Amino acid sequence: MKFEQTWITKSINFEAVKWTEVEGQKLAKKSGKQSALTTSQLRKFFGELRRIESDFDRYKEDVPLLKVRLAYAVGRDKNNKGQNRSKIDIFYSLFNDMAEAYEKSAEKDRKENFHRMVKLIESIVAFHKFSGGE
């Protein structure tokens, strides 16, 4: 299943929820040398999303910096060496897809599109926890 930019720019549907379920489950599971994405990693990032969302007009310039925060987390991850991508790296890619849709949107639609992005990430977090994410 593939991410659709319209989930950010138009509306969230059941297909989007199914996508977040699949991705949340993947991030919660250990696979090979990859450790699962931790709840604390997700919580830190999600806290930043909520802070921006709480006063979007004031903090909207922080949205591009979310990518920087995740890039730092990817760089810090000890399991992100060699050919095996870490779960935080995979989450970084998921966020990049969403952020790209947000960036392409018209300025007048950014607040609403950011809110949809937060909902999708919240769904990934929920399914991560539901799937046994620690």
N, C-alpha and C. Protein backbone atom coordinates (compact mmCIF):
# COMPACT_ATOMS: atom_id res chain seq x y z
N MET A 1 0.85 -1.18 0.00
CA MET A 1 0.00 0.00 0.00
C MET A 1 0.89 1.24 0.00
N LYS A 2 0.51 2.23 -0.76
CA LYS A 2 1.33 3.41 -0.95
C LYS A 2 0.63 4.67 -0.42
N PHE A 3 1.42 5.58 0.11
CA PHE A 3 0.90 6.86 0.59
C PHE A 3 0.34 7.68 -0.58
N GLU A 4 -0.80 8.30 -0.35
CA GLU A 4 -1.43 9.17 -1.35
C GLU A 4 -1.40 10.61 -0.85
N GLN A 5 -0.87 11.53 -1.65
CA GLN A 5 -0.77 12.92 -1.23
C GLN A 5 -2.14 13.56 -0.98
N THR A 6 -3.18 13.02 -1.60
CA THR A 6 -4.52 13.58 -1.41
C THR A 6 -5.01 13.41 0.02
N TRP A 7 -4.41 12.48 0.76
CA TRP A 7 -4.80 12.32 2.17
C TRP A 7 -4.40 13.55 2.97
N ILE A 8 -3.41 14.28 2.50
CA ILE A 8 -3.00 15.53 3.14
C ILE A 8 -3.74 16.70 2.53
N THR A 9 -3.88 16.71 1.21
CA THR A 9 -4.40 17.88 0.51
C THR A 9 -5.92 17.91 0.34
N LYS A 10 -6.57 16.76 0.48
CA LYS A 10 -8.02 16.74 0.28
C LYS A 10 -8.78 16.19 1.48
N SER A 11 -8.62 14.88 1.73
CA SER A 11 -9.34 14.29 2.86
C SER A 11 -8.74 12.94 3.23
N ILE A 12 -8.97 12.56 4.46
CA ILE A 12 -8.53 11.27 4.97
C ILE A 12 -9.70 10.29 4.79
N ASN A 13 -9.40 9.13 4.24
CA ASN A 13 -10.44 8.13 4.04
C ASN A 13 -10.02 6.81 4.70
N PHE A 14 -10.83 5.77 4.51
CA PHE A 14 -10.53 4.48 5.14
C PHE A 14 -9.25 3.84 4.58
N GLU A 15 -8.94 4.12 3.33
CA GLU A 15 -7.70 3.62 2.76
C GLU A 15 -6.50 4.23 3.49
N ALA A 16 -6.60 5.51 3.83
CA ALA A 16 -5.53 6.19 4.57
C ALA A 16 -5.36 5.57 5.95
N VAL A 17 -6.47 5.26 6.60
CA VAL A 17 -6.42 4.64 7.93
C VAL A 17 -5.79 3.25 7.83
N LYS A 18 -6.13 2.51 6.80
CA LYS A 18 -5.52 1.18 6.60
C LYS A 18 -4.01 1.33 6.40
N TRP A 19 -3.59 2.33 5.63
CA TRP A 19 -2.16 2.58 5.42
C TRP A 19 -1.47 2.88 6.75
N THR A 20 -2.09 3.72 7.59
CA THR A 20 -1.46 4.04 8.89
C THR A 20 -1.40 2.80 9.77
N GLU A 21 -2.39 1.92 9.66
CA GLU A 21 -2.38 0.68 10.44
C GLU A 21 -1.20 -0.20 10.03
N VAL A 22 -1.04 -0.39 8.74
CA VAL A 22 0.06 -1.22 8.22
C VAL A 22 1.41 -0.64 8.63
N GLU A 23 1.58 0.66 8.47
CA GLU A 23 2.86 1.30 8.79
C GLU A 23 3.12 1.28 10.30
N GLY A 24 2.10 1.51 11.10
CA GLY A 24 2.26 1.45 12.55
C GLY A 24 2.68 0.07 13.01
N GLN A 25 2.08 -0.96 12.41
CA GLN A 25 2.45 -2.34 12.74
C GLN A 25 3.90 -2.63 12.36
N LYS A 26 4.30 -2.18 11.17
CA LYS A 26 5.69 -2.41 10.72
C LYS A 26 6.68 -1.76 11.69
N LEU A 27 6.38 -0.56 12.12
CA LEU A 27 7.30 0.18 12.99
C LEU A 27 7.38 -0.43 14.38
N ALA A 28 6.33 -1.13 14.79
CA ALA A 28 6.30 -1.72 16.13
C ALA A 28 7.05 -3.05 16.22
N LYS A 29 7.24 -3.69 15.09
CA LYS A 29 7.83 -5.03 15.08
C LYS A 29 9.34 -4.98 14.89
N LYS A 30 10.01 -5.86 15.63
CA LYS A 30 11.44 -6.06 15.40
C LYS A 30 11.57 -6.93 14.17
N SER A 31 12.59 -6.64 13.38
CA SER A 31 12.82 -7.47 12.21
C SER A 31 14.32 -7.57 11.94
N GLY A 32 14.83 -8.78 12.02
CA GLY A 32 16.26 -8.98 11.83
C GLY A 32 17.06 -8.21 12.87
N LYS A 33 17.98 -7.40 12.42
CA LYS A 33 18.79 -6.60 13.32
C LYS A 33 18.12 -5.27 13.67
N GLN A 34 17.00 -5.01 13.04
CA GLN A 34 16.29 -3.76 13.31
C GLN A 34 15.50 -3.87 14.61
N SER A 35 15.71 -2.92 15.47
CA SER A 35 14.87 -2.87 16.66
C SER A 35 13.61 -2.08 16.30
N ALA A 36 12.57 -2.30 17.05
CA ALA A 36 11.32 -1.58 16.82
C ALA A 36 11.51 -0.10 17.15
N LEU A 37 10.70 0.72 16.53
CA LEU A 37 10.68 2.15 16.84
C LEU A 37 10.10 2.30 18.24
N THR A 38 10.76 3.07 19.09
CA THR A 38 10.30 3.19 20.47
C THR A 38 9.20 4.24 20.60
N THR A 39 8.36 4.03 21.58
CA THR A 39 7.30 4.98 21.86
C THR A 39 7.88 6.34 22.23
N SER A 40 9.01 6.36 22.94
CA SER A 40 9.59 7.64 23.33
C SER A 40 10.07 8.42 22.10
N GLN A 41 10.60 7.73 21.09
CA GLN A 41 11.00 8.42 19.86
C GLN A 41 9.78 9.04 19.19
N LEU A 42 8.71 8.28 19.11
CA LEU A 42 7.48 8.79 18.51
C LEU A 42 6.87 9.91 19.35
N ARG A 43 6.88 9.75 20.65
CA ARG A 43 6.28 10.73 21.54
C ARG A 43 6.96 12.09 21.43
N LYS A 44 8.29 12.09 21.36
CA LYS A 44 9.03 13.36 21.22
C LYS A 44 8.61 14.08 19.94
N PHE A 45 8.58 13.33 18.86
CA PHE A 45 8.22 13.93 17.58
C PHE A 45 6.76 14.39 17.59
N PHE A 46 5.88 13.55 18.10
CA PHE A 46 4.46 13.89 18.13
C PHE A 46 4.20 15.10 19.02
N GLY A 47 4.96 15.24 20.10
CA GLY A 47 4.85 16.42 20.96
C GLY A 47 5.15 17.70 20.19
N GLU A 48 6.15 17.64 19.32
CA GLU A 48 6.48 18.80 18.49
C GLU A 48 5.34 19.12 17.52
N LEU A 49 4.75 18.10 16.94
CA LEU A 49 3.60 18.31 16.05
C LEU A 49 2.46 19.01 16.79
N ARG A 50 2.17 18.53 17.99
CA ARG A 50 1.08 19.11 18.77
C ARG A 50 1.38 20.56 19.18
N ARG A 51 2.64 20.84 19.49
CA ARG A 51 3.02 22.21 19.84
C ARG A 51 2.76 23.15 18.67
N ILE A 52 3.16 22.74 17.49
CA ILE A 52 2.93 23.56 16.30
C ILE A 52 1.44 23.70 16.03
N GLU A 53 0.73 22.61 16.15
CA GLU A 53 -0.70 22.62 15.88
C GLU A 53 -1.46 23.51 16.86
N SER A 54 -0.98 23.59 18.10
CA SER A 54 -1.67 24.38 19.12
C SER A 54 -1.76 25.87 18.77
N ASP A 55 -0.80 26.38 18.03
CA ASP A 55 -0.82 27.78 17.58
C ASP A 55 -0.12 27.83 16.24
N PHE A 56 -0.78 27.28 15.22
CA PHE A 56 -0.16 27.12 13.92
C PHE A 56 0.36 28.43 13.35
N ASP A 57 -0.42 29.49 13.46
CA ASP A 57 0.01 30.77 12.89
C ASP A 57 1.32 31.26 13.50
N ARG A 58 1.51 30.97 14.75
CA ARG A 58 2.74 31.39 15.44
C ARG A 58 3.93 30.48 15.13
N TYR A 59 3.68 29.17 15.03
CA TYR A 59 4.76 28.19 14.90
C TYR A 59 4.91 27.57 13.52
N LYS A 60 4.18 28.05 12.52
CA LYS A 60 4.21 27.41 11.20
C LYS A 60 5.60 27.37 10.57
N GLU A 61 6.46 28.28 10.96
CA GLU A 61 7.83 28.27 10.42
C GLU A 61 8.65 27.12 11.00
N ASP A 62 8.15 26.47 12.04
CA ASP A 62 8.84 25.31 12.63
C ASP A 62 8.56 24.01 11.88
N VAL A 63 7.57 24.02 10.99
CA VAL A 63 7.21 22.80 10.27
C VAL A 63 8.39 22.23 9.48
N PRO A 64 9.13 23.04 8.70
CA PRO A 64 10.28 22.46 7.98
C PRO A 64 11.34 21.90 8.92
N LEU A 65 11.41 22.40 10.14
CA LEU A 65 12.42 21.92 11.09
C LEU A 65 12.10 20.54 11.65
N LEU A 66 10.87 20.08 11.46
CA LEU A 66 10.51 18.73 11.89
C LEU A 66 11.37 17.70 11.16
N LYS A 67 11.64 17.97 9.90
CA LYS A 67 12.50 17.08 9.11
C LYS A 67 13.90 17.02 9.72
N VAL A 68 14.38 18.15 10.18
CA VAL A 68 15.71 18.22 10.80
C VAL A 68 15.74 17.39 12.08
N ARG A 69 14.69 17.49 12.90
CA ARG A 69 14.63 16.71 14.15
C ARG A 69 14.68 15.21 13.87
N LEU A 70 13.93 14.79 12.87
CA LEU A 70 13.94 13.36 12.53
C LEU A 70 15.29 12.94 11.93
N ALA A 71 15.88 13.80 11.12
CA ALA A 71 17.19 13.48 10.54
C ALA A 71 18.22 13.29 11.65
N TYR A 72 18.15 14.11 12.67
CA TYR A 72 19.06 13.98 13.81
C TYR A 72 18.84 12.64 14.52
N ALA A 73 17.57 12.28 14.72
CA ALA A 73 17.25 11.00 15.37
C ALA A 73 17.77 9.83 14.53
N VAL A 74 17.66 9.92 13.22
CA VAL A 74 18.17 8.87 12.34
C VAL A 74 19.67 8.77 12.49
N GLY A 75 20.35 9.91 12.50
CA GLY A 75 21.79 9.93 12.63
C GLY A 75 22.28 9.38 13.96
N ARG A 76 21.51 9.58 15.01
CA ARG A 76 21.89 9.09 16.34
C ARG A 76 21.66 7.60 16.51
N ASP A 77 20.78 7.05 15.70
CA ASP A 77 20.41 5.64 15.86
C ASP A 77 21.59 4.73 15.51
N LYS A 78 21.99 3.95 16.47
CA LYS A 78 23.14 3.04 16.30
C LYS A 78 22.84 1.91 15.33
N ASN A 79 21.56 1.60 15.13
CA ASN A 79 21.18 0.50 14.24
C ASN A 79 21.06 0.94 12.78
N ASN A 80 21.36 2.18 12.51
CA ASN A 80 21.20 2.72 11.16
C ASN A 80 22.51 2.65 10.37
N LYS A 81 23.17 1.54 10.43
CA LYS A 81 24.45 1.36 9.74
C LYS A 81 24.30 0.29 8.67
N GLY A 82 25.03 0.44 7.60
CA GLY A 82 25.02 -0.57 6.55
C GLY A 82 23.75 -0.54 5.73
N GLN A 83 23.37 -1.71 5.23
CA GLN A 83 22.23 -1.81 4.33
C GLN A 83 20.89 -1.82 5.06
N ASN A 84 20.88 -2.19 6.32
CA ASN A 84 19.63 -2.26 7.07
C ASN A 84 19.21 -0.87 7.53
N ARG A 85 18.06 -0.42 7.06
CA ARG A 85 17.53 0.86 7.51
C ARG A 85 16.89 0.66 8.87
N SER A 86 17.06 1.62 9.74
CA SER A 86 16.43 1.54 11.06
C SER A 86 14.96 1.93 10.95
N LYS A 87 14.22 1.60 11.98
CA LYS A 87 12.79 1.95 12.00
C LYS A 87 12.60 3.47 12.04
N ILE A 88 13.48 4.18 12.73
CA ILE A 88 13.36 5.65 12.76
C ILE A 88 13.63 6.21 11.36
N ASP A 89 14.51 5.57 10.61
CA ASP A 89 14.78 5.98 9.23
C ASP A 89 13.54 5.73 8.36
N ILE A 90 12.89 4.62 8.59
CA ILE A 90 11.66 4.32 7.84
C ILE A 90 10.58 5.34 8.19
N PHE A 91 10.45 5.69 9.47
CA PHE A 91 9.48 6.71 9.87
C PHE A 91 9.84 8.05 9.24
N TYR A 92 11.13 8.36 9.16
CA TYR A 92 11.61 9.58 8.51
C TYR A 92 11.11 9.62 7.06
N SER A 93 11.19 8.51 6.36
CA SER A 93 10.72 8.45 4.97
C SER A 93 9.21 8.66 4.88
N LEU A 94 8.47 8.05 5.81
CA LEU A 94 7.02 8.24 5.83
C LEU A 94 6.68 9.71 6.04
N PHE A 95 7.38 10.33 7.01
CA PHE A 95 7.12 11.74 7.28
C PHE A 95 7.48 12.59 6.06
N ASN A 96 8.58 12.27 5.38
CA ASN A 96 8.97 13.03 4.20
C ASN A 96 7.88 13.01 3.13
N ASP A 97 7.25 11.87 2.94
CA ASP A 97 6.15 11.78 1.96
C ASP A 97 5.02 12.73 2.35
N MET A 98 4.68 12.74 3.63
CA MET A 98 3.61 13.61 4.10
C MET A 98 4.02 15.09 4.00
N ALA A 99 5.25 15.37 4.40
CA ALA A 99 5.74 16.75 4.37
C ALA A 99 5.79 17.28 2.95
N GLU A 100 6.13 16.43 2.01
CA GLU A 100 6.17 16.85 0.60
C GLU A 100 4.79 17.28 0.13
N ALA A 101 3.76 16.53 0.49
CA ALA A 101 2.39 16.90 0.14
C ALA A 101 2.02 18.23 0.79
N TYR A 102 2.40 18.39 2.05
CA TYR A 102 2.13 19.64 2.77
C TYR A 102 2.84 20.81 2.09
N GLU A 103 4.11 20.64 1.73
CA GLU A 103 4.90 21.71 1.11
C GLU A 103 4.33 22.15 -0.23
N LYS A 104 3.76 21.23 -0.97
CA LYS A 104 3.20 21.54 -2.29
C LYS A 104 1.87 22.27 -2.20
N SER A 105 1.25 22.27 -1.04
CA SER A 105 -0.07 22.87 -0.91
C SER A 105 0.02 24.39 -0.91
N ALA A 106 -1.07 25.01 -1.30
CA ALA A 106 -1.16 26.47 -1.32
C ALA A 106 -1.08 27.00 0.11
N GLU A 107 -0.54 28.17 0.25
CA GLU A 107 -0.38 28.79 1.58
C GLU A 107 -1.70 28.85 2.34
N LYS A 108 -2.78 29.15 1.64
CA LYS A 108 -4.09 29.28 2.30
C LYS A 108 -4.60 27.94 2.85
N ASP A 109 -4.08 26.83 2.33
CA ASP A 109 -4.53 25.50 2.76
C ASP A 109 -3.60 24.85 3.77
N ARG A 110 -2.50 25.50 4.09
CA ARG A 110 -1.46 24.86 4.91
C ARG A 110 -1.95 24.45 6.30
N LYS A 111 -2.71 25.30 6.95
CA LYS A 111 -3.16 24.98 8.31
C LYS A 111 -4.01 23.71 8.32
N GLU A 112 -4.95 23.64 7.40
CA GLU A 112 -5.83 22.47 7.30
C GLU A 112 -5.03 21.23 6.90
N ASN A 113 -4.10 21.37 5.99
CA ASN A 113 -3.29 20.24 5.55
C ASN A 113 -2.34 19.76 6.64
N PHE A 114 -1.82 20.70 7.43
CA PHE A 114 -0.98 20.31 8.56
C PHE A 114 -1.81 19.49 9.56
N HIS A 115 -3.04 19.93 9.79
CA HIS A 115 -3.93 19.22 10.71
C HIS A 115 -4.17 17.79 10.23
N ARG A 116 -4.36 17.60 8.93
CA ARG A 116 -4.53 16.24 8.38
C ARG A 116 -3.25 15.42 8.57
N MET A 117 -2.10 16.06 8.36
CA MET A 117 -0.83 15.35 8.55
C MET A 117 -0.70 14.89 10.00
N VAL A 118 -1.06 15.74 10.94
CA VAL A 118 -1.01 15.37 12.35
C VAL A 118 -1.93 14.19 12.62
N LYS A 119 -3.12 14.20 12.04
CA LYS A 119 -4.05 13.09 12.24
C LYS A 119 -3.48 11.77 11.72
N LEU A 120 -2.84 11.82 10.56
CA LEU A 120 -2.25 10.59 10.00
C LEU A 120 -1.12 10.08 10.89
N ILE A 121 -0.28 10.99 11.36
CA ILE A 121 0.82 10.56 12.23
C ILE A 121 0.27 10.05 13.56
N GLU A 122 -0.77 10.70 14.06
CA GLU A 122 -1.41 10.22 15.29
C GLU A 122 -1.94 8.80 15.09
N SER A 123 -2.47 8.52 13.91
CA SER A 123 -2.96 7.17 13.61
C SER A 123 -1.82 6.16 13.57
N ILE A 124 -0.69 6.54 12.99
CA ILE A 124 0.47 5.66 12.97
C ILE A 124 0.92 5.37 14.40
N VAL A 125 0.97 6.41 15.23
CA VAL A 125 1.36 6.25 16.64
C VAL A 125 0.39 5.31 17.36
N ALA A 126 -0.91 5.49 17.13
CA ALA A 126 -1.91 4.65 17.78
C ALA A 126 -1.77 3.19 17.37
N PHE A 127 -1.60 2.94 16.07
CA PHE A 127 -1.45 1.56 15.61
C PHE A 127 -0.11 0.97 16.03
N HIS A 128 0.90 1.79 16.17
CA HIS A 128 2.20 1.35 16.68
C HIS A 128 2.01 0.81 18.10
N LYS A 129 1.34 1.59 18.92
CA LYS A 129 1.10 1.18 20.32
C LYS A 129 0.19 -0.05 20.36
N PHE A 130 -0.87 -0.06 19.56
CA PHE A 130 -1.79 -1.17 19.51
C PHE A 130 -1.11 -2.47 19.12
N SER A 131 -0.08 -2.35 18.28
CA SER A 131 0.65 -3.52 17.79
C SER A 131 1.80 -3.94 18.70
N GLY A 132 1.83 -3.38 19.89
CA GLY A 132 2.83 -3.79 20.86
C GLY A 132 4.07 -2.91 20.90
N GLY A 133 4.01 -1.76 20.25
CA GLY A 133 5.16 -0.85 20.28
C GLY A 133 5.50 -0.44 21.70
N GLU A 134 6.80 -0.43 21.98
CA GLU A 134 7.26 -0.13 23.34
C GLU A 134 7.91 1.22 23.40
